[in-house]
Amino acid sequence: MVLSSESLTAEFERCSAALKSYILRITANKQDAEDIVQETWIRAQRSLEQFKADSSVKTWLFAIAQNIARDHLRSLKRWPENVGDICKEAAMGDQEFFREAMTIRQTSPQGAFEIREHIAFCFTCVSRSLPLEQQIALMLKEVYEFSVKEISEIMDSNEAMIKYYLHTGRGKMIEVFDKRCALINKEGVCHQCTELNGIFNPKQNAQEEAVKIQMVRDAAKKDKEHLFDLRMKVMQELDPFTSPAATLQLHHLEFDRKVMEQRPEQELTGS
């Protein structure tokens, strides 16, 4: 089957939003996400004859995009699990960051601060601490709901390795959030969700807002796998470019990215 230019255009339009949010979530870089999606479109147009009918056009487009992104990401440092702590400390001494954030909060139609949005933001940042293949496989399966077979095509790997990446990546993220997330585990070290809610929504009761989220309501069950699935459900339901908090969270993400890129190598690796 030869893929026509018209069919490619139609499918690209259908999946471009998911593609863009996926690239943002693995790169943590808004400009990279926009550039990579544009480059994906150009490469796909040039490679119509290479499309194989045994996979979907969507899978093929994600494969092109993630190959571009993976080449770029391999040249960058991975982030530590405590990226939130590091960036929080940096923000405390950066008045400009908070001035710009408050301006966005007060003037932008996408300037809301919502705890649910920050849950997704947090996962994006912490997932950058995983080995790259685990991060990619986890995002594709848990957030974008590709099958193991489709992920093996996208990543050009075998299904056994994909299952390994998913198992180890999922286990590591469950461990990190069980240890860090004070919103779920009251002994967790990270209070960013409620602290930032207090800054941006000073008249709002953070705990009342938190209990509206199923993940918070179900925390008492102590089922770590279930809580991870609920965290992924939050990710699936939010588009980081179009949500009510998109502009504020993208501003926050850009700050974190710059802090991480400027951090000395030994501080990122813990050596």
C-alpha atoms as a PDB file:
ATOM      1  CA  MET A   1       0.000   0.000   0.000  1.00  0.00           C
ATOM      2  CA  VAL A   2       1.339   3.412  -0.997  1.00  0.00           C
ATOM      3  CA  LEU A   3       0.538   6.198   1.450  1.00  0.00           C
ATOM      4  CA  SER A   4      -0.870   9.206  -0.368  1.00  0.00           C
ATOM      5  CA  SER A   5       0.009  12.764   0.541  1.00  0.00           C
ATOM      6  CA  GLU A   6      -3.667  13.429   1.300  1.00  0.00           C
ATOM      7  CA  SER A   7      -3.898  10.481   3.720  1.00  0.00           C
ATOM      8  CA  LEU A   8      -0.698  11.557   5.440  1.00  0.00           C
ATOM      9  CA  THR A   9      -1.998  15.101   5.858  1.00  0.00           C
ATOM     10  CA  ALA A  10      -5.281  13.898   7.332  1.00  0.00           C
ATOM     11  CA  GLU A  11      -3.595  11.552   9.817  1.00  0.00           C
ATOM     12  CA  PHE A  12      -0.971  14.115  10.793  1.00  0.00           C
ATOM     13  CA  GLU A  13      -3.718  16.622  11.603  1.00  0.00           C
ATOM     14  CA  ARG A  14      -5.497  14.004  13.743  1.00  0.00           C
ATOM     15  CA  CYS A  15      -2.455  13.066  15.819  1.00  0.00           C
ATOM     16  CA  SER A  16      -0.343  16.250  15.812  1.00  0.00           C
ATOM     17  CA  ALA A  17      -1.610  17.439  19.220  1.00  0.00           C
ATOM     18  CA  ALA A  18      -0.727  14.106  20.850  1.00  0.00           C
ATOM     19  CA  LEU A  19       2.602  14.076  19.036  1.00  0.00           C
ATOM     20  CA  LYS A  20       3.459  17.565  20.235  1.00  0.00           C
ATOM     21  CA  SER A  21       2.510  16.852  23.855  1.00  0.00           C
ATOM     22  CA  TYR A  22       4.497  13.584  23.773  1.00  0.00           C
ATOM     23  CA  ILE A  23       7.646  15.323  22.540  1.00  0.00           C
ATOM     24  CA  LEU A  24       7.233  18.057  25.140  1.00  0.00           C
ATOM     25  CA  ARG A  25       6.948  15.455  27.881  1.00  0.00           C
ATOM     26  CA  ILE A  26      10.104  13.592  26.910  1.00  0.00           C
ATOM     27  CA  THR A  27      12.199  16.687  26.148  1.00  0.00           C
ATOM     28  CA  ALA A  28      10.731  19.159  28.702  1.00  0.00           C
ATOM     29  CA  ASN A  29      11.306  21.823  26.051  1.00  0.00           C
ATOM     30  CA  LYS A  30       8.455  23.707  24.335  1.00  0.00           C
ATOM     31  CA  GLN A  31      10.564  24.967  21.434  1.00  0.00           C
ATOM     32  CA  ASP A  32      12.057  21.517  20.821  1.00  0.00           C
ATOM     33  CA  ALA A  33       8.562  20.017  20.769  1.00  0.00           C
ATOM     34  CA  GLU A  34       7.386  22.497  18.143  1.00  0.00           C
ATOM     35  CA  ASP A  35      10.540  22.105  16.045  1.00  0.00           C
ATOM     36  CA  ILE A  36      10.527  18.291  16.197  1.00  0.00           C
ATOM     37  CA  VAL A  37       6.871  18.040  15.194  1.00  0.00           C
ATOM     38  CA  GLN A  38       7.568  20.332  12.226  1.00  0.00           C
ATOM     39  CA  GLU A  39      10.620  18.260  11.266  1.00  0.00           C
ATOM     40  CA  THR A  40       8.524  15.087  11.578  1.00  0.00           C
ATOM     41  CA  TRP A  41       6.057  16.469   9.039  1.00  0.00           C
ATOM     42  CA  ILE A  42       8.853  17.347   6.613  1.00  0.00           C
ATOM     43  CA  ARG A  43      10.540  13.930   6.928  1.00  0.00           C
ATOM     44  CA  ALA A  44       7.236  12.076   6.590  1.00  0.00           C
ATOM     45  CA  GLN A  45       6.404  13.942   3.387  1.00  0.00           C
ATOM     46  CA  ARG A  46       9.808  13.074   1.966  1.00  0.00           C
ATOM     47  CA  SER A  47       9.501   9.410   2.962  1.00  0.00           C
ATOM     48  CA  LEU A  48       6.015   8.390   1.824  1.00  0.00           C
ATOM     49  CA  GLU A  49       7.387   5.408  -0.082  1.00  0.00           C
ATOM     50  CA  GLN A  50       9.020   4.073   3.107  1.00  0.00           C
ATOM     51  CA  PHE A  51       5.709   3.684   4.916  1.00  0.00           C
ATOM     52  CA  LYS A  52       4.840   0.041   5.554  1.00  0.00           C
ATOM     53  CA  ALA A  53       1.169  -0.864   5.674  1.00  0.00           C
ATOM     54  CA  ASP A  54       1.699  -3.357   8.498  1.00  0.00           C
ATOM     55  CA  SER A  55       1.813  -0.426  10.951  1.00  0.00           C
ATOM     56  CA  SER A  56      -0.533   2.532  11.366  1.00  0.00           C
ATOM     57  CA  VAL A  57       0.329   5.976  10.033  1.00  0.00           C
ATOM     58  CA  LYS A  58       0.161   7.271  13.617  1.00  0.00           C
ATOM     59  CA  THR A  59       2.731   4.700  14.781  1.00  0.00           C
ATOM     60  CA  TRP A  60       4.967   5.621  11.845  1.00  0.00           C
ATOM     61  CA  LEU A  61       4.753   9.340  12.638  1.00  0.00           C
ATOM     62  CA  PHE A  62       5.564   8.727  16.314  1.00  0.00           C
ATOM     63  CA  ALA A  63       8.557   6.630  15.225  1.00  0.00           C
ATOM     64  CA  ILE A  64       9.898   9.467  13.083  1.00  0.00           C
ATOM     65  CA  ALA A  65       9.357  12.003  15.869  1.00  0.00           C
ATOM     66  CA  GLN A  66      10.888   9.942  18.626  1.00  0.00           C
ATOM     67  CA  ASN A  67      13.968   9.161  16.505  1.00  0.00           C
ATOM     68  CA  ILE A  68      14.556  12.891  16.082  1.00  0.00           C
ATOM     69  CA  ALA A  69      13.932  13.491  19.784  1.00  0.00           C
ATOM     70  CA  ARG A  70      16.074  10.556  20.915  1.00  0.00           C
ATOM     71  CA  ASP A  71      19.074  11.749  18.917  1.00  0.00           C
ATOM     72  CA  HIS A  72      18.700  15.153  20.556  1.00  0.00           C
ATOM     73  CA  LEU A  73      18.168  13.799  24.083  1.00  0.00           C
ATOM     74  CA  ARG A  74      21.201  11.537  23.997  1.00  0.00           C
ATOM     75  CA  SER A  75      23.404  14.629  23.990  1.00  0.00           C
ATOM     76  CA  LEU A  76      21.730  16.012  27.139  1.00  0.00           C
ATOM     77  CA  LYS A  77      22.161  15.192  30.819  1.00  0.00           C
ATOM     78  CA  ARG A  78      19.489  13.158  32.555  1.00  0.00           C
ATOM     79  CA  TRP A  79      17.797  14.930  35.451  1.00  0.00           C
ATOM     80  CA  PRO A  80      17.968  13.748  39.090  1.00  0.00           C
ATOM     81  CA  GLU A  81      14.923  12.422  40.965  1.00  0.00           C
ATOM     82  CA  ASN A  82      14.986  15.489  43.216  1.00  0.00           C
ATOM     83  CA  VAL A  83      14.690  17.936  40.307  1.00  0.00           C
ATOM     84  CA  GLY A  84      11.785  19.578  42.142  1.00  0.00           C
ATOM     85  CA  ASP A  85      13.902  20.332  45.189  1.00  0.00           C
ATOM     86  CA  ILE A  86      16.736  21.753  43.092  1.00  0.00           C
ATOM     87  CA  CYS A  87      14.442  23.998  41.057  1.00  0.00           C
ATOM     88  CA  LYS A  88      12.493  25.092  44.126  1.00  0.00           C
ATOM     89  CA  GLU A  89      15.736  26.262  45.734  1.00  0.00           C
ATOM     90  CA  ALA A  90      16.718  28.107  42.547  1.00  0.00           C
ATOM     91  CA  ALA A  91      13.280  29.756  42.314  1.00  0.00           C
ATOM     92  CA  MET A  92      13.490  31.056  45.889  1.00  0.00           C
ATOM     93  CA  GLY A  93      16.328  33.326  44.818  1.00  0.00           C
ATOM     94  CA  ASP A  94      14.806  34.357  41.489  1.00  0.00           C
ATOM     95  CA  GLN A  95      12.318  37.202  41.900  1.00  0.00           C
ATOM     96  CA  GLU A  96      11.920  37.559  38.140  1.00  0.00           C
ATOM     97  CA  PHE A  97      10.595  33.998  37.870  1.00  0.00           C
ATOM     98  CA  PHE A  98       7.813  34.716  40.360  1.00  0.00           C
ATOM     99  CA  ARG A  99       7.054  38.151  38.878  1.00  0.00           C
ATOM    100  CA  GLU A 100       6.547  36.617  35.445  1.00  0.00           C
ATOM    101  CA  ALA A 101       4.552  33.729  36.913  1.00  0.00           C
ATOM    102  CA  MET A 102       2.214  36.057  38.801  1.00  0.00           C
ATOM    103  CA  THR A 103       1.698  38.156  35.665  1.00  0.00           C
ATOM    104  CA  ILE A 104       0.713  35.007  33.775  1.00  0.00           C
ATOM    105  CA  ARG A 105      -1.567  33.968  36.637  1.00  0.00           C
ATOM    106  CA  GLN A 106      -3.348  37.335  36.599  1.00  0.00           C
ATOM    107  CA  THR A 107      -3.560  38.014  32.866  1.00  0.00           C
ATOM    108  CA  SER A 108      -3.459  34.769  30.865  1.00  0.00           C
ATOM    109  CA  PRO A 109      -6.553  32.695  30.001  1.00  0.00           C
ATOM    110  CA  GLN A 110      -4.252  29.710  30.553  1.00  0.00           C
ATOM    111  CA  GLY A 111      -2.739  31.042  33.764  1.00  0.00           C
ATOM    112  CA  ALA A 112      -4.649  29.020  36.347  1.00  0.00           C
ATOM    113  CA  PHE A 113      -2.750  27.026  38.948  1.00  0.00           C
ATOM    114  CA  GLU A 114      -4.403  23.655  39.486  1.00  0.00           C
ATOM    115  CA  ILE A 115      -2.951  20.833  41.546  1.00  0.00           C
ATOM    116  CA  ARG A 116      -4.039  18.258  38.957  1.00  0.00           C
ATOM    117  CA  GLU A 117      -2.026  20.084  36.318  1.00  0.00           C
ATOM    118  CA  HIS A 118       1.005  20.164  38.574  1.00  0.00           C
ATOM    119  CA  ILE A 119       0.784  16.394  39.097  1.00  0.00           C
ATOM    120  CA  ALA A 120       1.267  15.983  35.345  1.00  0.00           C
ATOM    121  CA  PHE A 121       4.034  18.607  35.314  1.00  0.00           C
ATOM    122  CA  CYS A 122       5.839  16.800  38.133  1.00  0.00           C
ATOM    123  CA  PHE A 123       5.711  13.466  36.328  1.00  0.00           C
ATOM    124  CA  THR A 124       7.190  15.074  33.203  1.00  0.00           C
ATOM    125  CA  CYS A 125      10.154  16.411  35.179  1.00  0.00           C
ATOM    126  CA  VAL A 126      10.809  13.323  37.295  1.00  0.00           C
ATOM    127  CA  SER A 127      10.553  10.966  34.302  1.00  0.00           C
ATOM    128  CA  ARG A 128      13.632  12.727  32.892  1.00  0.00           C
ATOM    129  CA  SER A 129      15.594  10.881  35.608  1.00  0.00           C
ATOM    130  CA  LEU A 130      14.854   7.486  34.017  1.00  0.00           C
ATOM    131  CA  PRO A 131      17.194   5.963  31.453  1.00  0.00           C
ATOM    132  CA  LEU A 132      16.042   7.350  28.111  1.00  0.00           C
ATOM    133  CA  GLU A 133      14.588   4.092  26.731  1.00  0.00           C
ATOM    134  CA  GLN A 134      12.536   3.562  29.892  1.00  0.00           C
ATOM    135  CA  GLN A 135      11.204   7.120  29.782  1.00  0.00           C
ATOM    136  CA  ILE A 136      10.174   6.815  26.127  1.00  0.00           C
ATOM    137  CA  ALA A 137       8.546   3.388  26.524  1.00  0.00           C
ATOM    138  CA  LEU A 138       6.683   4.457  29.661  1.00  0.00           C
ATOM    139  CA  MET A 139       5.269   7.598  28.059  1.00  0.00           C
ATOM    140  CA  LEU A 140       4.179   5.728  24.942  1.00  0.00           C
ATOM    141  CA  LYS A 141       2.439   2.946  26.872  1.00  0.00           C
ATOM    142  CA  GLU A 142       1.059   4.603  29.983  1.00  0.00           C
ATOM    143  CA  VAL A 143       0.138   8.042  28.620  1.00  0.00           C
ATOM    144  CA  TYR A 144      -0.394   7.585  24.871  1.00  0.00           C
ATOM    145  CA  GLU A 145      -1.708   4.005  25.144  1.00  0.00           C
ATOM    146  CA  PHE A 146       0.318   2.339  22.412  1.00  0.00           C
ATOM    147  CA  SER A 147       0.562  -1.450  22.565  1.00  0.00           C
ATOM    148  CA  VAL A 148       3.846  -3.219  23.282  1.00  0.00           C
ATOM    149  CA  LYS A 149       3.990  -4.268  19.617  1.00  0.00           C
ATOM    150  CA  GLU A 150       3.504  -0.677  18.452  1.00  0.00           C
ATOM    151  CA  ILE A 151       6.134   0.602  20.889  1.00  0.00           C
ATOM    152  CA  SER A 152       8.608  -1.988  19.610  1.00  0.00           C
ATOM    153  CA  GLU A 153       8.020  -0.581  16.098  1.00  0.00           C
ATOM    154  CA  ILE A 154       8.361   3.020  17.262  1.00  0.00           C
ATOM    155  CA  MET A 155      11.546   2.311  19.210  1.00  0.00           C
ATOM    156  CA  ASP A 156      12.935  -0.220  16.713  1.00  0.00           C
ATOM    157  CA  SER A 157      13.388  -2.800  19.447  1.00  0.00           C
ATOM    158  CA  ASN A 158      11.977  -6.228  20.283  1.00  0.00           C
ATOM    159  CA  GLU A 159       8.919  -6.753  22.467  1.00  0.00           C
ATOM    160  CA  ALA A 160      10.899  -8.435  25.253  1.00  0.00           C
ATOM    161  CA  MET A 161      13.057  -5.337  25.693  1.00  0.00           C
ATOM    162  CA  ILE A 162      10.013  -3.071  25.629  1.00  0.00           C
ATOM    163  CA  LYS A 163       8.421  -5.127  28.407  1.00  0.00           C
ATOM    164  CA  TYR A 164      11.658  -4.832  30.392  1.00  0.00           C
ATOM    165  CA  TYR A 165      11.769  -1.039  29.907  1.00  0.00           C
ATOM    166  CA  LEU A 166       8.135  -0.760  30.983  1.00  0.00           C
ATOM    167  CA  HIS A 167       8.553  -2.970  34.037  1.00  0.00           C
ATOM    168  CA  THR A 168      11.694  -1.258  35.313  1.00  0.00           C
ATOM    169  CA  GLY A 169      10.559   2.260  34.414  1.00  0.00           C
ATOM    170  CA  ARG A 170       7.155   1.833  36.028  1.00  0.00           C
ATOM    171  CA  GLY A 171       8.683   0.298  39.148  1.00  0.00           C
ATOM    172  CA  LYS A 172      11.182   3.125  39.494  1.00  0.00           C
ATOM    173  CA  MET A 173       8.573   5.853  39.107  1.00  0.00           C
ATOM    174  CA  ILE A 174       6.282   4.180  41.656  1.00  0.00           C
ATOM    175  CA  GLU A 175       9.219   4.063  44.078  1.00  0.00           C
ATOM    176  CA  VAL A 176      10.118   7.725  43.487  1.00  0.00           C
ATOM    177  CA  PHE A 177       6.596   9.045  43.988  1.00  0.00           C
ATOM    178  CA  ASP A 178       5.939   6.836  47.012  1.00  0.00           C
ATOM    179  CA  LYS A 179       9.004   8.387  48.605  1.00  0.00           C
ATOM    180  CA  ARG A 180       8.535  11.960  47.405  1.00  0.00           C
ATOM    181  CA  CYS A 181       4.863  12.866  46.935  1.00  0.00           C
ATOM    182  CA  ALA A 182       3.481  14.450  50.120  1.00  0.00           C
ATOM    183  CA  LEU A 183       0.124  14.931  48.396  1.00  0.00           C
ATOM    184  CA  ILE A 184      -0.334  11.150  48.455  1.00  0.00           C
ATOM    185  CA  ASN A 185       2.110   9.872  51.064  1.00  0.00           C
ATOM    186  CA  LYS A 186       1.883  12.285  53.998  1.00  0.00           C
ATOM    187  CA  GLU A 187       5.516  11.482  54.836  1.00  0.00           C
ATOM    188  CA  GLY A 188       6.726  12.455  51.342  1.00  0.00           C
ATOM    189  CA  VAL A 189       9.369  15.141  51.098  1.00  0.00           C
ATOM    190  CA  CYS A 190       7.818  17.150  48.238  1.00  0.00           C
ATOM    191  CA  HIS A 191       5.069  19.659  49.082  1.00  0.00           C
ATOM    192  CA  GLN A 192       5.215  21.635  45.825  1.00  0.00           C
ATOM    193  CA  CYS A 193       1.584  21.057  44.843  1.00  0.00           C
ATOM    194  CA  THR A 194       0.160  22.578  48.015  1.00  0.00           C
ATOM    195  CA  GLU A 195       2.898  25.205  48.410  1.00  0.00           C
ATOM    196  CA  LEU A 196       2.422  26.538  44.891  1.00  0.00           C
ATOM    197  CA  ASN A 197      -1.345  26.423  45.286  1.00  0.00           C
ATOM    198  CA  GLY A 198      -0.898  28.638  48.347  1.00  0.00           C
ATOM    199  CA  ILE A 199       1.170  31.133  46.332  1.00  0.00           C
ATOM    200  CA  PHE A 200      -1.094  31.323  43.306  1.00  0.00           C
ATOM    201  CA  ASN A 201      -4.445  30.693  45.020  1.00  0.00           C
ATOM    202  CA  PRO A 202      -4.007  32.235  48.498  1.00  0.00           C
ATOM    203  CA  LYS A 203      -7.758  32.232  49.225  1.00  0.00           C
ATOM    204  CA  GLN A 204      -8.195  28.619  48.236  1.00  0.00           C
ATOM    205  CA  ASN A 205      -7.964  25.670  50.612  1.00  0.00           C
ATOM    206  CA  ALA A 206      -5.337  23.428  49.049  1.00  0.00           C
ATOM    207  CA  GLN A 207      -6.543  20.298  50.837  1.00  0.00           C
ATOM    208  CA  GLU A 208     -10.124  20.854  49.687  1.00  0.00           C
ATOM    209  CA  GLU A 209      -8.888  21.156  46.118  1.00  0.00           C
ATOM    210  CA  ALA A 210      -6.655  18.115  46.468  1.00  0.00           C
ATOM    211  CA  VAL A 211      -9.437  15.786  47.600  1.00  0.00           C
ATOM    212  CA  LYS A 212     -11.305  16.486  44.358  1.00  0.00           C
ATOM    213  CA  ILE A 213      -8.623  14.386  42.664  1.00  0.00           C
ATOM    214  CA  GLN A 214      -9.314  10.652  42.702  1.00  0.00           C
ATOM    215  CA  MET A 215      -5.646   9.874  43.266  1.00  0.00           C
ATOM    216  CA  VAL A 216      -5.752  11.816  46.527  1.00  0.00           C
ATOM    217  CA  ARG A 217      -9.058  10.286  47.619  1.00  0.00           C
ATOM    218  CA  ASP A 218      -7.719   6.782  46.982  1.00  0.00           C
ATOM    219  CA  ALA A 219      -4.370   7.359  48.714  1.00  0.00           C
ATOM    220  CA  ALA A 220      -5.524   5.679  51.924  1.00  0.00           C
ATOM    221  CA  LYS A 221      -5.831   2.369  50.066  1.00  0.00           C
ATOM    222  CA  LYS A 222      -2.016   2.236  49.873  1.00  0.00           C
ATOM    223  CA  ASP A 223      -2.212   0.482  46.496  1.00  0.00           C
ATOM    224  CA  LYS A 224       0.884   1.852  44.764  1.00  0.00           C
ATOM    225  CA  GLU A 225       0.078   0.317  41.375  1.00  0.00           C
ATOM    226  CA  HIS A 226      -3.444   1.777  41.457  1.00  0.00           C
ATOM    227  CA  LEU A 227      -2.138   5.212  42.437  1.00  0.00           C
ATOM    228  CA  PHE A 228       0.356   5.107  39.586  1.00  0.00           C
ATOM    229  CA  ASP A 229      -2.447   4.276  37.147  1.00  0.00           C
ATOM    230  CA  LEU A 230      -4.457   7.235  38.457  1.00  0.00           C
ATOM    231  CA  ARG A 231      -1.438   9.505  37.991  1.00  0.00           C
ATOM    232  CA  MET A 232      -1.259   8.294  34.394  1.00  0.00           C
ATOM    233  CA  LYS A 233      -4.974   9.007  33.967  1.00  0.00           C
ATOM    234  CA  VAL A 234      -4.300  12.623  34.939  1.00  0.00           C
ATOM    235  CA  MET A 235      -1.556  12.738  32.298  1.00  0.00           C
ATOM    236  CA  GLN A 236      -3.860  11.292  29.636  1.00  0.00           C
ATOM    237  CA  GLU A 237      -6.617  13.802  30.350  1.00  0.00           C
ATOM    238  CA  LEU A 238      -4.429  16.917  30.112  1.00  0.00           C
ATOM    239  CA  ASP A 239      -2.882  18.515  27.055  1.00  0.00           C
ATOM    240  CA  PRO A 240       0.071  20.609  28.296  1.00  0.00           C
ATOM    241  CA  PHE A 241      -0.440  23.097  25.441  1.00  0.00           C
ATOM    242  CA  THR A 242      -4.187  23.688  25.724  1.00  0.00           C
ATOM    243  CA  SER A 243      -5.142  23.129  29.364  1.00  0.00           C
ATOM    244  CA  PRO A 244      -6.411  25.975  31.609  1.00  0.00           C
ATOM    245  CA  ALA A 245      -2.973  26.105  33.247  1.00  0.00           C
ATOM    246  CA  ALA A 246      -0.828  25.587  30.134  1.00  0.00           C
ATOM    247  CA  THR A 247       0.915  28.975  29.994  1.00  0.00           C
ATOM    248  CA  LEU A 248       1.786  28.975  33.691  1.00  0.00           C
ATOM    249  CA  GLN A 249       3.025  25.378  33.679  1.00  0.00           C
ATOM    250  CA  LEU A 250       5.067  25.872  30.498  1.00  0.00           C
ATOM    251  CA  HIS A 251       6.693  28.899  32.139  1.00  0.00           C
ATOM    252  CA  HIS A 252       7.491  26.722  35.154  1.00  0.00           C
ATOM    253  CA  LEU A 253       8.842  23.931  32.921  1.00  0.00           C
ATOM    254  CA  GLU A 254      11.089  26.326  31.016  1.00  0.00           C
ATOM    255  CA  PHE A 255      12.544  27.574  34.304  1.00  0.00           C
ATOM    256  CA  ASP A 256      13.265  24.016  35.452  1.00  0.00           C
ATOM    257  CA  ARG A 257      14.891  23.158  32.130  1.00  0.00           C
ATOM    258  CA  LYS A 258      17.234  26.145  32.318  1.00  0.00           C
ATOM    259  CA  VAL A 259      18.169  25.356  35.920  1.00  0.00           C
ATOM    260  CA  MET A 260      18.987  21.757  34.994  1.00  0.00           C
ATOM    261  CA  GLU A 261      21.007  22.693  31.908  1.00  0.00           C
ATOM    262  CA  GLN A 262      23.090  25.178  33.894  1.00  0.00           C
ATOM    263  CA  ARG A 263      23.755  22.757  36.745  1.00  0.00           C
ATOM    264  CA  PRO A 264      27.275  21.267  36.945  1.00  0.00           C
ATOM    265  CA  GLU A 265      27.508  17.661  35.746  1.00  0.00           C
ATOM    266  CA  GLN A 266      28.698  16.343  39.130  1.00  0.00           C
ATOM    267  CA  GLU A 267      25.650  17.816  40.874  1.00  0.00           C
ATOM    268  CA  LEU A 268      23.277  16.135  38.429  1.00  0.00           C
ATOM    269  CA  THR A 269      24.902  12.734  38.730  1.00  0.00           C
ATOM    270  CA  GLY A 270      25.484  12.986  42.475  1.00  0.00           C
ATOM    271  CA  SER A 271      29.201  12.274  42.053  1.00  0.00           C
END
